[in-house]
Protein backbone atom coordinates (compact mmCIF):
# COMPACT_ATOMS: atom_id res chain seq x y z
CA UNK A 1 14.33 116.94 118.56
CA UNK A 2 18.09 117.20 118.99
CA UNK A 3 18.38 113.41 119.34
CA UNK A 4 16.36 112.92 116.13
CA UNK A 5 18.62 115.35 114.26
CA UNK A 6 21.75 113.56 115.45
CA UNK A 7 20.24 110.24 114.38
CA UNK A 8 19.46 111.61 110.91
CA UNK A 9 22.98 113.03 110.53
CA UNK A 10 24.54 109.70 111.57
CA UNK A 11 22.34 107.80 109.13
CA UNK A 12 23.38 110.15 106.33
CA UNK A 13 27.02 109.37 107.05
CA UNK A 14 26.45 105.64 106.57
CA UNK A 15 26.79 104.36 102.98
CA UNK A 16 23.53 103.32 101.38
CA UNK A 17 24.61 99.69 101.06
CA UNK A 18 25.29 99.51 104.77
CA UNK A 19 21.79 100.81 105.53
CA UNK A 20 20.11 98.04 103.53
CA UNK A 21 18.18 95.85 105.97
CA UNK A 22 19.74 92.44 106.33
CA UNK A 23 17.63 89.83 104.60
CA UNK A 24 16.05 87.06 106.60
CA UNK A 25 18.28 84.05 107.20
CA UNK A 26 18.03 81.26 104.67
CA UNK A 27 16.70 78.15 106.35
CA UNK A 28 17.95 74.80 105.10
CA UNK A 29 16.59 71.57 106.54
CA UNK A 30 18.17 68.15 106.11
CA UNK A 31 16.17 65.05 107.09
CA UNK A 32 18.44 62.03 107.45
CA UNK A 33 15.41 59.69 107.75
CA UNK A 34 14.16 60.44 104.23
CA UNK A 35 16.40 58.69 101.72
CA UNK A 36 16.25 59.49 98.01
CA UNK A 37 18.56 56.83 96.62
CA UNK A 38 22.17 55.76 96.62
CA UNK A 39 24.90 58.37 96.41
CA UNK A 40 26.96 57.20 93.47
CA UNK A 41 30.46 58.67 92.95
CA UNK A 42 29.60 60.47 89.72
CA UNK A 43 32.37 62.98 90.58
CA UNK A 44 35.29 60.54 90.23
CA UNK A 45 35.77 60.82 86.44
CA UNK A 46 38.10 63.20 84.57
CA UNK A 47 39.40 63.62 81.03
CA UNK A 48 41.47 65.66 78.62
CA UNK A 49 42.33 66.04 74.92
CA UNK A 50 46.07 65.69 75.21
CA UNK A 51 46.80 62.09 76.24
CA UNK A 52 50.55 62.78 76.07
CA UNK A 53 50.21 65.14 79.07
CA UNK A 54 49.66 61.94 81.08
CA UNK A 55 53.39 61.25 81.18
CA UNK A 56 54.60 64.80 81.79
CA UNK A 57 55.72 66.24 85.13
CA UNK A 58 52.54 67.93 86.27
CA UNK A 59 50.32 65.39 84.56
CA UNK A 60 51.79 62.57 86.64
CA UNK A 61 51.50 64.70 89.77
CA UNK A 62 47.85 65.51 89.15
CA UNK A 63 46.92 61.90 88.40
CA UNK A 64 48.23 60.94 91.83
CA UNK A 65 46.21 63.72 93.45
CA UNK A 66 43.07 62.58 91.65
CA UNK A 67 43.61 59.05 92.92
CA UNK A 68 44.12 60.36 96.44
CA UNK A 69 40.99 62.54 96.55
CA UNK A 70 38.53 59.65 96.29
CA UNK A 71 37.84 56.49 98.33
CA UNK A 72 36.56 54.83 95.14
CA UNK A 73 38.33 54.28 91.80
CA UNK A 74 38.99 57.38 89.70
CA UNK A 75 38.55 56.96 85.94
CA UNK A 76 40.51 58.85 83.30
CA UNK A 77 39.43 59.38 79.68
CA UNK A 78 41.75 60.88 77.05
CA UNK A 79 41.65 61.59 73.33
CA UNK A 80 44.19 60.59 70.67
CA UNK A 81 45.10 57.13 71.94
CA UNK A 82 45.25 55.82 68.34
CA UNK A 83 46.33 59.01 66.52
CA UNK A 84 49.48 58.92 64.39
CA UNK A 85 52.38 61.19 65.28
CA UNK A 86 55.56 61.65 67.29
CA UNK A 87 54.02 61.71 70.77
CA UNK A 88 54.65 65.45 71.23
CA UNK A 89 51.50 67.16 72.55
CA UNK A 90 50.09 70.54 71.66
CA UNK A 91 46.74 72.14 72.40
CA UNK A 92 43.94 69.72 71.45
CA UNK A 93 46.41 67.20 70.00
CA UNK A 94 48.38 64.12 71.01
CA UNK A 95 49.48 60.88 69.35
CA UNK A 96 50.72 57.37 70.00
CA UNK A 97 51.70 56.15 66.51
CA UNK A 98 50.41 52.74 67.47
CA UNK A 99 49.50 51.73 63.89
CA UNK A 100 51.25 52.03 60.53
CA UNK A 101 51.31 50.04 57.29
CA UNK A 102 54.58 48.71 55.93
CA UNK A 103 55.65 48.79 52.29
CA UNK A 104 53.59 45.66 51.64
CA UNK A 105 50.44 47.17 53.16
CA UNK A 106 50.66 45.02 56.28
CA UNK A 107 49.88 46.47 59.74
CA UNK A 108 52.74 47.29 62.07
CA UNK A 109 51.93 47.87 65.75
CA UNK A 110 54.08 49.96 68.08
CA UNK A 111 52.93 50.19 71.70
CA UNK A 112 55.86 52.22 73.05
CA UNK A 113 53.91 55.44 73.68
CA UNK A 114 50.77 53.55 74.65
CA UNK A 115 52.70 51.71 77.35
CA UNK A 116 54.10 54.97 78.73
CA UNK A 117 50.58 56.42 79.04
CA UNK A 118 48.97 53.37 80.62
CA UNK A 119 51.96 52.71 82.88
CA UNK A 120 51.47 56.25 84.24
CA UNK A 121 47.80 55.46 84.91
CA UNK A 122 48.89 52.26 86.63
CA UNK A 123 51.50 53.99 88.78
CA UNK A 124 49.04 56.68 89.88
CA UNK A 125 46.42 54.06 90.71
CA UNK A 126 43.72 55.44 88.40
CA UNK A 127 41.67 53.39 85.96
CA UNK A 128 41.45 54.15 82.24
CA UNK A 129 38.28 54.79 80.33
CA UNK A 130 39.77 53.74 77.01
CA UNK A 131 38.48 55.92 74.18
CA UNK A 132 39.14 54.46 70.73
CA UNK A 133 40.15 57.52 68.74
CA UNK A 134 41.32 58.81 66.45
CA UNK A 135 42.02 57.25 63.03
CA UNK A 136 45.66 56.32 62.32
CA UNK A 137 47.02 58.10 59.27
CA UNK A 138 47.64 54.93 57.24
CA UNK A 139 44.13 53.64 57.99
CA UNK A 140 42.22 56.84 57.25
CA UNK A 141 39.95 56.77 54.20
CA UNK A 142 40.08 59.55 51.65
CA UNK A 143 37.40 62.17 52.28
CA UNK A 144 36.75 64.93 49.72
CA UNK A 145 38.16 68.25 50.87
CA UNK A 146 40.25 66.70 53.65
CA UNK A 147 43.84 66.70 52.47
CA UNK A 148 45.82 67.10 55.69
CA UNK A 149 46.10 64.65 58.56
CA UNK A 150 46.83 67.08 61.42
CA UNK A 151 45.54 70.64 61.70
CA UNK A 152 46.76 72.96 64.46
CA UNK A 153 45.05 75.05 67.13
CA UNK A 154 43.87 77.78 66.85
CA UNK A 155 41.91 76.88 63.80
CA UNK A 156 39.74 73.99 62.69
CA UNK A 157 41.63 71.25 64.49
CA UNK A 158 38.76 68.84 63.77
CA UNK A 159 39.10 69.21 60.03
CA UNK A 160 42.03 66.84 59.54
CA UNK A 161 42.02 63.26 58.30
CA UNK A 162 42.56 62.01 61.87
CA UNK A 163 38.76 62.18 62.09
CA UNK A 164 38.07 60.23 58.90
CA UNK A 165 36.43 56.81 58.76
CA UNK A 166 38.69 53.79 58.18
CA UNK A 167 39.40 52.71 54.65
CA UNK A 168 39.10 49.11 55.84
CA UNK A 169 36.67 48.31 58.67
CA UNK A 170 38.03 44.81 59.18
CA UNK A 171 41.50 46.30 59.65
CA UNK A 172 40.01 48.82 62.11
CA UNK A 173 38.40 46.01 64.10
CA UNK A 174 41.68 44.13 64.16
CA UNK A 175 43.53 47.24 65.37
CA UNK A 176 41.08 47.53 68.28
CA UNK A 177 41.47 43.81 69.01
CA UNK A 178 45.27 44.00 69.00
CA UNK A 179 45.24 47.16 71.13
CA UNK A 180 42.92 45.56 73.69
CA UNK A 181 44.85 42.29 73.63
CA UNK A 182 48.08 44.13 74.34
CA UNK A 183 46.58 45.99 77.32
CA UNK A 184 45.09 42.76 78.70
CA UNK A 185 48.45 41.00 78.42
CA UNK A 186 50.29 43.90 80.06
CA UNK A 187 47.87 44.68 82.92
CA UNK A 188 45.88 41.47 83.30
CA UNK A 189 42.25 40.46 82.78
CA UNK A 190 41.27 41.27 86.34
CA UNK A 191 42.27 44.92 85.96
CA UNK A 192 41.19 45.51 82.37
CA UNK A 193 37.78 43.99 83.08
CA UNK A 194 37.10 46.96 85.39
CA UNK A 195 37.95 49.52 82.69
CA UNK A 196 35.43 51.17 80.37
CA UNK A 197 35.94 50.97 76.59
CA UNK A 198 34.30 53.74 74.55
CA UNK A 199 34.15 54.06 70.76
CA UNK A 200 35.21 57.46 69.39
CA UNK A 201 34.27 60.98 70.48
CA UNK A 202 31.36 63.15 69.36
CA UNK A 203 30.69 61.44 66.04
CA UNK A 204 27.64 63.65 65.47
CA UNK A 205 29.88 66.67 64.74
CA UNK A 206 33.15 67.22 62.87
CA UNK A 207 35.07 64.80 65.05
CA UNK A 208 33.66 62.28 62.55
CA UNK A 209 33.90 62.86 58.79
CA UNK A 210 31.42 60.15 57.95
CA UNK A 211 27.72 59.42 58.11
CA UNK A 212 25.87 58.18 61.21
CA UNK A 213 25.58 54.80 59.53
CA UNK A 214 29.35 54.68 59.07
CA UNK A 215 29.74 55.40 62.77
CA UNK A 216 27.43 52.47 63.59
CA UNK A 217 29.74 50.29 61.53
CA UNK A 218 32.79 51.74 63.29
CA UNK A 219 31.17 51.00 66.64
CA UNK A 220 30.17 47.45 65.71
CA UNK A 221 33.63 46.51 64.50
CA UNK A 222 35.29 48.15 67.51
CA UNK A 223 33.21 46.44 70.21
CA UNK A 224 33.51 43.12 68.40
CA UNK A 225 37.29 43.59 68.41
CA UNK A 226 37.36 44.45 72.12
CA UNK A 227 35.23 41.47 73.05
CA UNK A 228 37.45 39.08 71.06
CA UNK A 229 40.37 40.08 73.27
CA UNK A 230 38.41 40.60 76.51
CA UNK A 231 35.01 38.84 76.44
CA UNK A 232 33.67 40.63 79.53
CA UNK A 233 34.89 44.10 78.55
CA UNK A 234 32.56 46.99 79.49
CA UNK A 235 31.90 48.60 76.10
CA UNK A 236 29.75 51.54 75.02
CA UNK A 237 29.18 54.83 73.26
CA UNK A 238 28.36 56.85 71.25
CA UNK A 239 29.98 59.74 73.18
CA UNK A 240 27.86 62.15 71.16
CA UNK A 241 27.36 65.82 71.97
CA UNK A 242 24.66 66.93 74.41
CA UNK A 243 21.33 66.07 72.79
CA UNK A 244 19.83 69.53 73.11
CA UNK A 245 19.67 70.16 69.35
CA UNK A 246 17.46 68.19 67.00
CA UNK A 247 20.50 66.78 65.20
CA UNK A 248 22.25 65.61 68.36
CA UNK A 249 19.04 64.13 69.78
CA UNK A 250 18.39 62.22 66.56
CA UNK A 251 21.94 60.86 66.54
CA UNK A 252 21.70 59.41 70.05
CA UNK A 253 18.19 58.08 69.43
CA UNK A 254 19.11 56.43 66.13
CA UNK A 255 22.25 54.90 67.62
CA UNK A 256 20.16 53.28 70.36
CA UNK A 257 17.70 52.03 67.74
CA UNK A 258 20.60 50.46 65.84
CA UNK A 259 21.87 48.67 68.94
CA UNK A 260 18.40 47.60 70.04
CA UNK A 261 17.06 46.40 66.68
CA UNK A 262 19.91 45.55 64.31
CA UNK A 263 22.55 42.85 64.13
CA UNK A 264 26.21 43.74 64.30
CA UNK A 265 27.68 44.86 60.99
CA UNK A 266 30.90 43.17 62.08
CA UNK A 267 29.77 39.66 62.96
CA UNK A 268 25.97 39.48 62.65
CA UNK A 269 25.53 39.02 66.39
CA UNK A 270 23.76 41.07 69.05
CA UNK A 271 25.45 44.45 69.42
CA UNK A 272 26.99 44.94 72.88
CA UNK A 273 26.18 48.14 74.79
CA UNK A 274 27.14 48.15 78.48
CA UNK A 275 26.94 51.92 78.93
CA UNK A 276 25.53 54.93 77.08
CA UNK A 277 27.59 58.11 76.83
CA UNK A 278 26.92 61.67 75.69
CA UNK A 279 28.24 65.16 76.48
CA UNK A 280 26.03 67.88 78.03
CA UNK A 281 27.64 71.32 78.18
CA UNK A 282 26.76 74.72 79.56
CA UNK A 283 27.18 78.00 77.68
CA UNK A 284 28.76 80.97 79.47
CA UNK A 285 28.91 84.40 77.89
CA UNK A 286 29.96 87.95 78.72
CA UNK A 287 27.01 90.21 79.61
CA UNK A 288 27.51 93.87 80.50
CA UNK A 289 31.17 93.25 81.21
CA UNK A 290 30.79 90.20 83.44
CA UNK A 291 30.61 86.44 82.97
CA UNK A 292 27.15 84.89 82.94
CA UNK A 293 27.12 81.11 83.24
CA UNK A 294 24.74 78.81 81.35
CA UNK A 295 23.87 76.01 83.76
CA UNK A 296 20.45 75.69 82.12
CA UNK A 297 22.06 74.59 78.86
CA UNK A 298 23.92 71.71 80.50
CA UNK A 299 20.82 70.53 82.34
CA UNK A 300 18.56 70.80 79.29
CA UNK A 301 20.97 68.66 77.29
CA UNK A 302 21.12 66.12 80.11
CA UNK A 303 17.34 65.99 80.42
CA UNK A 304 16.98 65.46 76.68
CA UNK A 305 19.45 62.58 76.79
CA UNK A 306 17.72 60.96 79.76
CA UNK A 307 14.36 61.22 77.98
CA UNK A 308 15.79 59.44 74.93
CA UNK A 309 17.27 56.63 77.03
CA UNK A 310 14.06 56.28 79.04
CA UNK A 311 12.09 55.52 75.84
CA UNK A 312 13.87 52.16 75.59
CA UNK A 313 12.90 49.59 78.25
CA UNK A 314 15.97 47.62 77.19
CA UNK A 315 18.27 50.47 78.24
CA UNK A 316 16.45 51.98 81.24
CA UNK A 317 18.94 50.41 83.68
CA UNK A 318 22.00 50.72 81.43
CA UNK A 319 24.64 52.93 83.07
CA UNK A 320 24.84 56.44 81.64
CA UNK A 321 28.23 58.12 81.51
CA UNK A 322 28.25 61.83 80.80
CA UNK A 323 31.76 61.42 79.43
CA UNK A 324 32.14 65.19 79.19
CA UNK A 325 29.91 67.29 81.49
CA UNK A 326 31.16 70.86 81.72
CA UNK A 327 30.20 74.55 81.85
CA UNK A 328 31.19 74.88 78.16
CA UNK A 329 32.87 73.02 75.34
CA UNK A 330 36.53 73.98 74.87
CA UNK A 331 39.03 73.20 77.63
CA UNK A 332 41.93 74.50 75.53
CA UNK A 333 40.30 77.88 74.83
CA UNK A 334 41.88 80.07 77.49
CA UNK A 335 40.32 83.17 79.00
CA UNK A 336 42.80 85.13 76.86
CA UNK A 337 41.06 83.73 73.81
CA UNK A 338 37.52 83.74 75.21
CA UNK A 339 36.85 86.15 78.12
CA UNK A 340 33.70 84.22 79.03
CA UNK A 341 36.04 81.53 80.36
CA UNK A 342 37.22 83.77 83.20
CA UNK A 343 35.01 81.72 85.52
CA UNK A 344 37.61 78.94 85.51
CA UNK A 345 40.11 80.29 88.04
CA UNK A 346 37.93 81.35 90.96
CA UNK A 347 35.15 80.04 93.23
CA UNK A 348 32.36 80.31 90.64
CA UNK A 349 33.44 77.11 88.88
CA UNK A 350 33.19 74.92 92.02
CA UNK A 351 29.86 76.47 93.02
CA UNK A 352 28.45 75.80 89.54
CA UNK A 353 29.68 72.21 89.85
CA UNK A 354 28.04 71.71 93.26
CA UNK A 355 24.70 72.95 91.93
CA UNK A 356 25.07 70.71 88.87
CA UNK A 357 25.68 67.60 91.00
CA UNK A 358 22.33 67.94 92.78
CA UNK A 359 20.48 68.74 89.56
CA UNK A 360 21.94 65.74 87.74
CA UNK A 361 20.83 63.37 90.50
CA UNK A 362 17.35 64.94 90.46
CA UNK A 363 17.11 64.42 86.70
CA UNK A 364 18.24 60.82 87.09
CA UNK A 365 15.48 60.23 89.64
CA UNK A 366 12.89 61.97 87.49
CA UNK A 367 13.49 59.72 84.47
CA UNK A 368 14.42 56.61 86.46
CA UNK A 369 17.68 56.11 84.55
CA UNK A 370 21.06 55.00 85.87
CA UNK A 371 23.59 57.85 85.93
CA UNK A 372 27.06 56.75 87.08
CA UNK A 373 29.35 59.54 85.85
CA UNK A 374 29.58 63.29 85.25
CA UNK A 375 33.10 63.29 83.82
CA UNK A 376 34.83 66.66 84.14
CA UNK A 377 36.77 67.38 80.95
CA UNK A 378 39.53 69.18 82.81
CA UNK A 379 43.10 68.29 83.65
CA UNK A 380 46.20 70.48 83.23
CA UNK A 381 48.32 72.08 80.50
CA UNK A 382 52.11 71.89 80.63
CA UNK A 383 54.36 74.90 80.09
CA UNK A 384 51.60 77.50 80.10
CA UNK A 385 51.16 80.69 82.11
CA UNK A 386 49.87 80.47 85.67
CA UNK A 387 46.08 80.86 85.78
CA UNK A 388 45.89 81.46 82.03
CA UNK A 389 42.22 80.51 82.13
CA UNK A 390 42.18 77.02 80.68
CA UNK A 391 39.54 74.61 81.96
CA UNK A 392 41.94 72.86 84.30
CA UNK A 393 42.13 71.39 87.79
CA UNK A 394 45.64 72.70 88.38
CA UNK A 395 48.09 75.19 86.90
CA UNK A 396 51.81 74.42 86.94
CA UNK A 397 51.27 71.97 89.75
CA UNK A 398 49.12 74.35 91.84
CA UNK A 399 45.59 73.10 92.50
CA UNK A 400 42.78 75.47 91.51
CA UNK A 401 39.60 76.03 93.55
CA UNK A 402 37.49 73.69 91.41
CA UNK A 403 39.52 70.65 92.43
CA UNK A 404 38.36 71.20 95.99
CA UNK A 405 34.68 70.74 95.17
CA UNK A 406 35.56 67.25 93.94
CA UNK A 407 37.41 66.67 97.21
CA UNK A 408 34.23 67.74 99.01
CA UNK A 409 32.08 65.38 96.94
CA UNK A 410 34.45 62.52 97.78
CA UNK A 411 33.83 63.10 101.52
CA UNK A 412 30.16 62.24 101.00
CA UNK A 413 28.91 58.65 101.06
CA UNK A 414 25.97 56.37 101.69
CA UNK A 415 22.45 57.42 100.72
CA UNK A 416 21.20 60.72 99.38
CA UNK A 417 18.73 62.26 101.81
CA UNK A 418 16.05 64.93 101.59
CA UNK A 419 16.94 68.61 101.78
CA UNK A 420 14.85 71.76 101.52
CA UNK A 421 15.81 75.42 101.40
CA UNK A 422 13.86 78.66 101.62
CA UNK A 423 16.13 80.10 98.91
CA UNK A 424 16.54 77.24 96.46
CA UNK A 425 15.75 77.71 92.79
CA UNK A 426 13.64 74.71 91.70
CA UNK A 427 15.10 72.41 89.06
CA UNK A 428 12.40 73.22 86.50
CA UNK A 429 13.12 76.94 86.88
CA UNK A 430 16.87 76.41 86.43
CA UNK A 431 16.23 74.35 83.28
CA UNK A 432 13.84 76.98 81.94
CA UNK A 433 15.85 80.14 82.58
CA UNK A 434 18.92 79.44 84.69
CA UNK A 435 19.75 81.22 87.94
CA UNK A 436 19.39 84.84 86.91
CA UNK A 437 17.10 86.50 89.45
CA UNK A 438 17.53 85.33 93.03
CA UNK A 439 20.56 83.19 93.89
CA UNK A 440 20.26 79.45 94.33
CA UNK A 441 21.17 78.88 97.98
CA UNK A 442 20.64 75.19 98.44
CA UNK A 443 22.01 71.92 99.77
CA UNK A 444 22.68 68.30 98.83
CA UNK A 445 23.15 65.77 101.63
CA UNK A 446 24.13 62.18 102.32
CA UNK A 447 24.03 59.83 105.28
CA UNK A 448 25.99 56.68 106.07
CA UNK A 449 26.29 54.56 109.21
CA UNK A 450 28.07 57.00 111.50
CA UNK A 451 28.18 60.27 109.62
CA UNK A 452 26.32 62.73 107.44
CA UNK A 453 27.50 65.39 105.00
CA UNK A 454 25.79 68.51 103.69
CA UNK A 455 27.05 70.30 100.60
CA UNK A 456 25.97 73.97 100.55
CA UNK A 457 26.27 76.65 97.89
CA UNK A 458 25.29 80.22 97.11
CA UNK A 459 25.21 80.17 93.32
CA UNK A 460 24.22 82.71 90.70
CA UNK A 461 24.80 82.57 86.94
CA UNK A 462 26.01 86.19 86.98
CA UNK A 463 29.51 86.62 88.36
CA UNK A 464 29.04 90.05 89.95
CA UNK A 465 29.69 91.32 93.49
CA UNK A 466 26.77 90.66 95.81
CA UNK A 467 26.08 90.38 99.50
CA UNK A 468 26.30 86.97 101.07
CA UNK A 469 23.61 85.12 102.96
CA UNK A 470 23.05 84.19 106.56
CA UNK A 471 22.20 80.50 106.54
CA UNK A 472 20.85 78.22 109.25
CA UNK A 473 21.19 74.52 108.54
CA UNK A 474 19.13 72.13 110.64
CA UNK A 475 20.07 68.47 110.40
CA UNK A 476 17.30 66.22 111.74
CA UNK A 477 17.06 62.47 112.07
CA UNK A 478 20.34 61.90 113.89
CA UNK A 479 20.03 58.40 115.37
CA UNK A 480 18.61 57.97 118.85
CA UNK A 481 21.30 57.61 121.48
CA UNK A 482 23.68 60.03 119.74
CA UNK A 483 24.17 63.03 122.06
CA UNK A 484 27.06 64.84 120.38
CA UNK A 485 28.36 65.07 116.82
CA UNK A 486 31.68 66.31 115.49
CA UNK A 487 31.36 69.09 112.91
CA UNK A 488 34.06 69.72 110.32
CA UNK A 489 33.21 72.66 108.07
CA UNK A 490 35.11 72.92 104.77
CA UNK A 491 34.84 75.99 102.53
CA UNK A 492 35.73 77.15 99.03
CA UNK A 493 35.33 80.89 98.48
CA UNK A 494 37.43 83.97 97.75
CA UNK A 495 39.47 83.47 100.92
CA UNK A 496 39.50 79.70 101.47
CA UNK A 497 40.79 76.77 99.42
CA UNK A 498 41.68 79.32 96.75
CA UNK A 499 45.17 79.52 95.27
CA UNK A 500 44.01 82.10 92.71
CA UNK A 501 43.32 84.75 95.35
CA UNK A 502 46.71 84.11 96.94
CA UNK A 503 48.44 84.32 93.55
CA UNK A 504 46.80 87.65 92.76
CA UNK A 505 47.77 88.99 96.19
CA UNK A 506 51.39 88.14 95.35
CA UNK A 507 51.14 90.36 92.28
CA UNK A 508 50.27 87.55 89.84
CA UNK A 509 53.86 86.28 89.39
CA UNK A 510 54.57 84.13 86.34
CA UNK A 511 57.84 83.06 87.95
CA UNK A 512 57.01 82.65 91.63
CA UNK A 513 59.87 82.25 94.05
CA UNK A 514 60.32 78.95 95.86
CA UNK A 515 58.69 80.48 98.94
CA UNK A 516 55.75 81.79 96.90
CA UNK A 517 55.29 78.43 95.19
CA UNK A 518 55.09 76.64 98.56
CA UNK A 519 52.37 79.10 99.63
CA UNK A 520 50.46 78.58 96.38
CA UNK A 521 50.59 74.80 96.74
CA UNK A 522 49.24 75.06 100.29
CA UNK A 523 46.50 77.48 99.23
CA UNK A 524 45.28 74.99 96.64
CA UNK A 525 44.28 72.40 99.22
CA UNK A 526 40.83 71.96 100.76
CA UNK A 527 40.60 74.16 103.85
CA UNK A 528 38.51 74.08 107.01
CA UNK A 529 36.52 77.26 107.66
CA UNK A 530 37.03 76.82 111.40
CA UNK A 531 38.40 74.29 113.84
CA UNK A 532 36.43 71.05 114.21
CA UNK A 533 33.93 71.29 117.06
CA UNK A 534 31.50 69.08 118.93
CA UNK A 535 27.80 69.96 118.83
CA UNK A 536 25.13 68.88 121.29
CA UNK A 537 22.25 66.95 119.74
CA UNK A 538 18.77 68.04 120.84
CA UNK A 539 15.94 65.65 120.03
CA UNK A 540 17.88 64.16 117.12
CA UNK A 541 18.73 67.58 115.67
CA UNK A 542 21.55 70.09 115.41
CA UNK A 543 21.37 73.60 113.95
CA UNK A 544 24.44 75.10 112.32
CA UNK A 545 24.48 78.82 111.50
CA UNK A 546 26.95 80.12 108.94
CA UNK A 547 27.53 83.02 106.58
CA UNK A 548 27.69 81.91 102.96
CA UNK A 549 29.17 84.46 100.52
CA UNK A 550 27.99 84.64 96.92
CA UNK A 551 29.68 81.95 94.79
CA UNK A 552 30.84 80.06 97.89
CA UNK A 553 30.62 76.32 98.55
CA UNK A 554 30.67 74.62 101.96
CA UNK A 555 30.72 71.04 103.17
CA UNK A 556 29.40 70.30 106.64
CA UNK A 557 30.64 66.89 107.72
CA UNK A 558 29.04 65.42 110.85
CA UNK A 559 30.45 62.32 112.57
CA UNK A 560 29.21 60.38 115.58
């Protein structure tokens, strides 16, 4: 009796949370013998509004890092390559002043700023995805109610005449031809033939102050102009918003009908379309004082777009570029402006991205389309506060946790292989209602000749404290004759590959000392959870146990 009483008293002294029985381990199985298709580097694409940041201190630094993270070419897309102005950036604005009209109404071309931007791409070793936007001031048509060329953020930055149609489509086509011709002459046909050339940005909303039919004309004249200067240029569009709404779906569908069935409004020929682009976005919000992500919204928009493309046999194999694929739609809206954007600094953003990568490949396979890019519309902002909450990859030269999930993705190669998890949330359930009950603890894996890689995550839409998970990963199908494999385990969580946690521990300095800055830079790099170790292979299998905290991402890299 006395022993029972002591036991009861001891139990009462233990907090309730500590008494909760530990849940059963999550079992994840990877079968290297069951391939699901090629692993394409959809991760190696990035973009930003402010093209003039390309040539600034931290912009140049980040471009080099992006080049260095990937074994394959990294592509960069930026707005405002044709916009008129003095080349001084501000939030959601940049300019090149490439085109003006002289006193006689004749075009004058100035490539000074353009050359600075593209030379920076060249020096960093990244490849441009050239977006033709926006309308030069002297070429912009008059649109009722639009009296100002540039409007400033915050406010309706899309309401200015920089988003108007051209007053002369032939002059627009010639501008695109001259622009392309200049880039070909400066960087050579061999290089520019590997670039992607996209017409405009989100012409189904207020980025375009014209009708859909006027956009078709804009597209036709633009791609005709590109092809005159570079006959094998890779051209495409329409870069419309995620086709989740009826309006956005109709825009993408009708654009594809125009390309498939009509003759070019520029030259009467077949309309070129080498890739199809649109922009699926998530939708985070604040619920009961915490951030709740909206992964379902991004995936629903993607699925809708894939369904539209799949209707056209002519386009079923045409590459699809999600030329903005993000958790929400405003990179320049900081967490100070929109508290729902607080997800951007910590480990939730990379975990969301890992879950999205697997889902996007699954949707591609479901509709038998050809996805080649999920471009992250995130870069950096110069001269802003540390960790202000912009959708960025780095802050004042310090890499943020999200950049490390792209580094993880770049360590994967070969074929995608089958995975299963006892705690995964099925794709259809995520599309229907997100990840709002049990967490999605799942994996995505690849295999190449002498290695395999397993991306793991413990994701939940709700960013609230929660217990982690005990996970056991079994990798089967290791080739016969391989007796040992080298495991390298990388991790992004609150305590690893996370400069934000280190910055907060310093007291959140806005003017870190030189010593603090060195520590922040180091904390921003991809970190091993433990030392590399050799594992014995038993009957073609290894089992790897690990603890996976909520909103954590791991990469298990096996080499033999």
